[in-house]
């Protein structure tokens, strides 16, 4: 089943994100290579294409896990959590309807 991992950043999170971004992305690439990743990406704080100062308010990952517990465990091990990027992380089941 798919699960949505919805994360909210602490204020001014970009410097913290950059310290472990490669580790964070490596885990997402593992999910993708296993065919389990539906979508992943950050939530910019602006709708500008190329903002002068990039900033993010959080992230979304939707991926396939065996259970809510396994999705929560995967989310809890995110390098962004350990680096203090996320203030809050919510994990809940997700049913893809479209497309």
N, C-alpha and C. Protein backbone atom coordinates (compact mmCIF):
# COMPACT_ATOMS: atom_id res chain seq x y z
N UNK A 1 0.84 -1.17 0.00
CA UNK A 1 0.00 0.00 0.00
C UNK A 1 0.89 1.24 0.00
N UNK A 2 0.36 2.30 -0.60
CA UNK A 2 1.07 3.58 -0.59
C UNK A 2 0.83 4.31 0.72
N UNK A 3 1.87 5.06 1.13
CA UNK A 3 1.79 5.90 2.31
C UNK A 3 2.36 7.27 1.96
N UNK A 4 1.72 8.31 2.48
CA UNK A 4 2.20 9.68 2.31
C UNK A 4 3.00 10.06 3.54
N UNK A 5 4.19 10.57 3.31
CA UNK A 5 5.05 11.07 4.37
C UNK A 5 5.12 12.58 4.16
N UNK A 6 4.46 13.31 5.03
CA UNK A 6 4.30 14.76 4.89
C UNK A 6 5.12 15.43 5.99
N UNK A 7 6.14 16.15 5.57
CA UNK A 7 7.08 16.74 6.53
C UNK A 7 7.01 18.26 6.49
N UNK A 8 7.14 18.86 7.65
CA UNK A 8 7.16 20.31 7.79
C UNK A 8 8.53 20.73 8.29
N UNK A 9 9.16 21.65 7.57
CA UNK A 9 10.49 22.12 7.94
C UNK A 9 10.46 23.10 9.11
N UNK A 10 11.59 23.17 9.80
CA UNK A 10 11.82 24.25 10.75
C UNK A 10 12.06 25.52 9.94
N UNK A 11 11.95 26.70 10.53
CA UNK A 11 12.27 27.93 9.79
C UNK A 11 13.73 27.94 9.32
N UNK A 12 13.95 28.54 8.17
CA UNK A 12 15.30 28.68 7.61
C UNK A 12 16.04 27.35 7.54
N UNK A 13 15.40 26.36 6.96
CA UNK A 13 15.92 24.99 6.95
C UNK A 13 16.99 24.72 5.88
N UNK A 14 17.13 25.59 4.91
CA UNK A 14 18.02 25.29 3.78
C UNK A 14 19.45 24.92 4.20
N UNK A 15 20.10 25.65 5.08
CA UNK A 15 21.47 25.23 5.47
C UNK A 15 21.50 23.82 6.08
N UNK A 16 20.49 23.49 6.88
CA UNK A 16 20.41 22.15 7.46
C UNK A 16 20.17 21.10 6.38
N UNK A 17 19.29 21.41 5.44
CA UNK A 17 19.00 20.48 4.33
C UNK A 17 20.29 20.15 3.56
N UNK A 18 21.06 21.17 3.29
CA UNK A 18 22.24 20.97 2.45
C UNK A 18 23.28 20.06 3.10
N UNK A 19 23.32 20.00 4.43
CA UNK A 19 24.33 19.19 5.11
C UNK A 19 24.12 17.69 4.88
N UNK A 20 22.87 17.26 4.65
CA UNK A 20 22.58 15.83 4.49
C UNK A 20 21.74 15.53 3.25
N UNK A 21 21.67 16.47 2.34
CA UNK A 21 20.83 16.30 1.15
C UNK A 21 21.20 15.05 0.36
N UNK A 22 22.48 14.80 0.16
CA UNK A 22 22.91 13.62 -0.61
C UNK A 22 22.43 12.33 0.05
N UNK A 23 22.50 12.26 1.37
CA UNK A 23 22.03 11.08 2.09
C UNK A 23 20.51 10.92 1.95
N UNK A 24 19.80 12.03 2.06
CA UNK A 24 18.34 12.02 1.91
C UNK A 24 17.95 11.53 0.52
N UNK A 25 18.60 12.08 -0.50
CA UNK A 25 18.29 11.68 -1.88
C UNK A 25 18.66 10.23 -2.16
N UNK A 26 19.74 9.75 -1.57
CA UNK A 26 20.16 8.35 -1.78
C UNK A 26 19.06 7.39 -1.32
N UNK A 27 18.42 7.68 -0.21
CA UNK A 27 17.34 6.83 0.27
C UNK A 27 16.15 6.85 -0.68
N UNK A 28 15.86 8.03 -1.24
CA UNK A 28 14.77 8.13 -2.20
C UNK A 28 15.10 7.37 -3.48
N UNK A 29 16.36 7.45 -3.92
CA UNK A 29 16.77 6.70 -5.11
C UNK A 29 16.63 5.19 -4.88
N UNK A 30 16.92 4.73 -3.68
CA UNK A 30 16.74 3.30 -3.36
C UNK A 30 15.29 2.89 -3.50
N UNK A 31 14.37 3.71 -2.99
CA UNK A 31 12.94 3.43 -3.14
C UNK A 31 12.55 3.41 -4.62
N UNK A 32 13.06 4.37 -5.36
CA UNK A 32 12.73 4.47 -6.79
C UNK A 32 13.24 3.26 -7.55
N UNK A 33 14.48 2.88 -7.30
CA UNK A 33 15.07 1.73 -8.00
C UNK A 33 14.35 0.44 -7.66
N UNK A 34 13.75 0.36 -6.48
CA UNK A 34 12.98 -0.81 -6.07
C UNK A 34 11.55 -0.76 -6.61
N UNK A 35 11.20 0.32 -7.34
CA UNK A 35 9.86 0.45 -7.90
C UNK A 35 8.79 0.80 -6.87
N UNK A 36 9.20 1.38 -5.75
CA UNK A 36 8.27 1.66 -4.66
C UNK A 36 7.92 3.14 -4.51
N UNK A 37 8.62 4.03 -5.21
CA UNK A 37 8.40 5.47 -5.06
C UNK A 37 7.41 5.97 -6.08
N UNK A 38 6.34 6.60 -5.60
CA UNK A 38 5.34 7.19 -6.49
C UNK A 38 5.72 8.63 -6.82
N UNK A 39 6.09 9.39 -5.80
CA UNK A 39 6.45 10.80 -5.98
C UNK A 39 7.21 11.29 -4.76
N UNK A 40 8.10 12.25 -4.97
CA UNK A 40 8.83 12.85 -3.85
C UNK A 40 9.33 14.22 -4.24
N UNK A 41 9.33 15.13 -3.28
CA UNK A 41 9.88 16.46 -3.54
C UNK A 41 9.58 17.42 -2.42
N UNK A 42 10.26 18.57 -2.46
CA UNK A 42 10.07 19.58 -1.42
C UNK A 42 8.92 20.54 -1.76
N UNK A 43 8.48 21.26 -0.74
CA UNK A 43 7.48 22.32 -0.90
C UNK A 43 8.22 23.66 -0.82
N UNK A 44 8.42 24.34 -1.96
CA UNK A 44 9.05 25.67 -1.90
C UNK A 44 8.13 26.65 -1.17
N UNK A 45 8.71 27.68 -0.58
CA UNK A 45 7.89 28.68 0.11
C UNK A 45 7.31 29.71 -0.85
N UNK A 46 7.73 29.67 -2.11
CA UNK A 46 7.23 30.63 -3.10
C UNK A 46 6.91 29.89 -4.39
N UNK A 47 6.09 30.53 -5.23
CA UNK A 47 5.79 29.92 -6.52
C UNK A 47 6.69 30.43 -7.64
N UNK A 48 7.74 31.17 -7.27
CA UNK A 48 8.71 31.63 -8.25
C UNK A 48 9.50 30.44 -8.80
N UNK A 49 9.79 30.45 -10.10
CA UNK A 49 10.55 29.36 -10.71
C UNK A 49 11.99 29.34 -10.19
N UNK A 50 12.65 30.47 -10.18
CA UNK A 50 14.03 30.58 -9.70
C UNK A 50 14.12 31.70 -8.67
N UNK A 51 13.71 31.43 -7.44
CA UNK A 51 13.76 32.49 -6.44
C UNK A 51 15.19 32.92 -6.13
N UNK A 52 15.33 34.17 -5.77
CA UNK A 52 16.65 34.70 -5.43
C UNK A 52 17.24 33.95 -4.23
N UNK A 53 16.39 33.65 -3.26
CA UNK A 53 16.83 32.90 -2.07
C UNK A 53 15.92 31.69 -1.91
N UNK A 54 16.36 30.49 -2.36
CA UNK A 54 15.52 29.30 -2.22
C UNK A 54 15.22 29.00 -0.75
N UNK A 55 13.99 28.58 -0.51
CA UNK A 55 13.58 28.20 0.84
C UNK A 55 12.46 27.17 0.72
N UNK A 56 12.36 26.32 1.71
CA UNK A 56 11.37 25.24 1.67
C UNK A 56 10.59 25.18 2.97
N UNK A 57 9.32 24.79 2.85
CA UNK A 57 8.46 24.67 4.03
C UNK A 57 8.24 23.22 4.43
N UNK A 58 8.70 22.29 3.61
CA UNK A 58 8.52 20.88 3.93
C UNK A 58 8.74 20.00 2.72
N UNK A 59 8.33 18.74 2.85
CA UNK A 59 8.51 17.76 1.78
C UNK A 59 7.34 16.79 1.76
N UNK A 60 7.21 16.13 0.60
CA UNK A 60 6.21 15.07 0.44
C UNK A 60 6.88 13.87 -0.21
N UNK A 61 6.66 12.70 0.37
CA UNK A 61 7.09 11.44 -0.22
C UNK A 61 5.87 10.54 -0.22
N UNK A 62 5.55 9.95 -1.37
CA UNK A 62 4.50 8.94 -1.44
C UNK A 62 5.16 7.69 -1.99
N UNK A 63 5.13 6.62 -1.21
CA UNK A 63 5.82 5.40 -1.59
C UNK A 63 5.08 4.18 -1.05
N UNK A 64 5.45 3.03 -1.58
CA UNK A 64 4.85 1.76 -1.19
C UNK A 64 5.63 1.15 -0.03
N UNK A 65 4.91 0.80 1.03
CA UNK A 65 5.48 0.11 2.19
C UNK A 65 4.55 -1.02 2.58
N UNK A 66 5.06 -1.98 3.32
CA UNK A 66 4.27 -3.13 3.75
C UNK A 66 3.20 -2.77 4.77
N UNK A 67 3.46 -1.73 5.56
CA UNK A 67 2.54 -1.36 6.63
C UNK A 67 2.79 0.08 7.05
N UNK A 68 1.87 0.59 7.83
CA UNK A 68 2.05 1.93 8.40
C UNK A 68 3.29 1.96 9.29
N UNK A 69 3.49 0.90 10.04
CA UNK A 69 4.67 0.85 10.91
C UNK A 69 5.97 0.91 10.11
N UNK A 70 6.03 0.17 8.99
CA UNK A 70 7.26 0.19 8.20
C UNK A 70 7.46 1.55 7.52
N UNK A 71 6.38 2.20 7.12
CA UNK A 71 6.49 3.54 6.54
C UNK A 71 6.97 4.53 7.60
N UNK A 72 6.43 4.41 8.80
CA UNK A 72 6.84 5.30 9.89
C UNK A 72 8.31 5.08 10.25
N UNK A 73 8.72 3.83 10.28
CA UNK A 73 10.12 3.53 10.60
C UNK A 73 11.04 4.12 9.54
N UNK A 74 10.67 3.97 8.26
CA UNK A 74 11.48 4.54 7.17
C UNK A 74 11.56 6.06 7.33
N UNK A 75 10.43 6.69 7.62
CA UNK A 75 10.40 8.15 7.79
C UNK A 75 11.25 8.59 8.98
N UNK A 76 11.19 7.84 10.06
CA UNK A 76 11.95 8.19 11.27
C UNK A 76 13.46 8.14 11.05
N UNK A 77 13.90 7.39 10.06
CA UNK A 77 15.33 7.24 9.78
C UNK A 77 15.86 8.24 8.74
N UNK A 78 15.01 9.16 8.32
CA UNK A 78 15.42 10.15 7.32
C UNK A 78 16.54 11.03 7.86
N UNK A 79 17.61 11.21 7.10
CA UNK A 79 18.69 12.09 7.53
C UNK A 79 18.23 13.51 7.85
N UNK A 80 17.17 13.97 7.20
CA UNK A 80 16.66 15.31 7.50
C UNK A 80 16.14 15.40 8.94
N UNK A 81 15.60 14.32 9.47
CA UNK A 81 15.16 14.33 10.86
C UNK A 81 16.37 14.44 11.78
N UNK A 82 17.37 13.61 11.50
CA UNK A 82 18.56 13.61 12.35
C UNK A 82 19.30 14.95 12.29
N UNK A 83 19.21 15.66 11.16
CA UNK A 83 19.87 16.96 11.01
C UNK A 83 19.03 18.12 11.54
N UNK A 84 17.80 17.83 11.96
CA UNK A 84 16.95 18.89 12.50
C UNK A 84 16.20 19.70 11.47
N UNK A 85 16.08 19.18 10.23
CA UNK A 85 15.37 19.90 9.17
C UNK A 85 13.87 19.93 9.42
N UNK A 86 13.34 18.80 9.86
CA UNK A 86 11.89 18.68 10.02
C UNK A 86 11.44 18.98 11.44
N UNK A 87 10.42 19.83 11.56
CA UNK A 87 9.78 20.11 12.84
C UNK A 87 8.71 19.07 13.13
N UNK A 88 8.10 18.53 12.06
CA UNK A 88 7.00 17.59 12.21
C UNK A 88 6.95 16.67 10.99
N UNK A 89 6.64 15.40 11.23
CA UNK A 89 6.48 14.43 10.14
C UNK A 89 5.20 13.64 10.41
N UNK A 90 4.33 13.60 9.41
CA UNK A 90 3.10 12.84 9.50
C UNK A 90 3.14 11.74 8.44
N UNK A 91 2.81 10.52 8.86
CA UNK A 91 2.77 9.38 7.93
C UNK A 91 1.35 8.83 7.97
N UNK A 92 0.75 8.69 6.77
CA UNK A 92 -0.61 8.14 6.72
C UNK A 92 -0.83 7.41 5.40
N UNK A 93 -1.77 6.47 5.39
CA UNK A 93 -2.06 5.73 4.16
C UNK A 93 -2.52 6.68 3.06
N UNK A 94 -2.22 6.28 1.82
CA UNK A 94 -2.58 7.07 0.65
C UNK A 94 -3.14 6.16 -0.42
N UNK A 95 -4.30 6.48 -0.95
CA UNK A 95 -4.90 5.73 -2.05
C UNK A 95 -4.82 6.54 -3.32
N UNK A 96 -4.05 6.07 -4.28
CA UNK A 96 -3.93 6.76 -5.56
C UNK A 96 -5.20 6.48 -6.38
N UNK A 97 -5.86 7.55 -6.79
CA UNK A 97 -7.08 7.43 -7.60
C UNK A 97 -6.77 7.82 -9.05
N UNK A 98 -6.07 8.92 -9.26
CA UNK A 98 -5.76 9.40 -10.60
C UNK A 98 -4.29 9.81 -10.67
N UNK A 99 -3.66 9.87 -11.77
CA UNK A 99 -4.09 9.27 -13.03
C UNK A 99 -3.94 7.77 -12.98
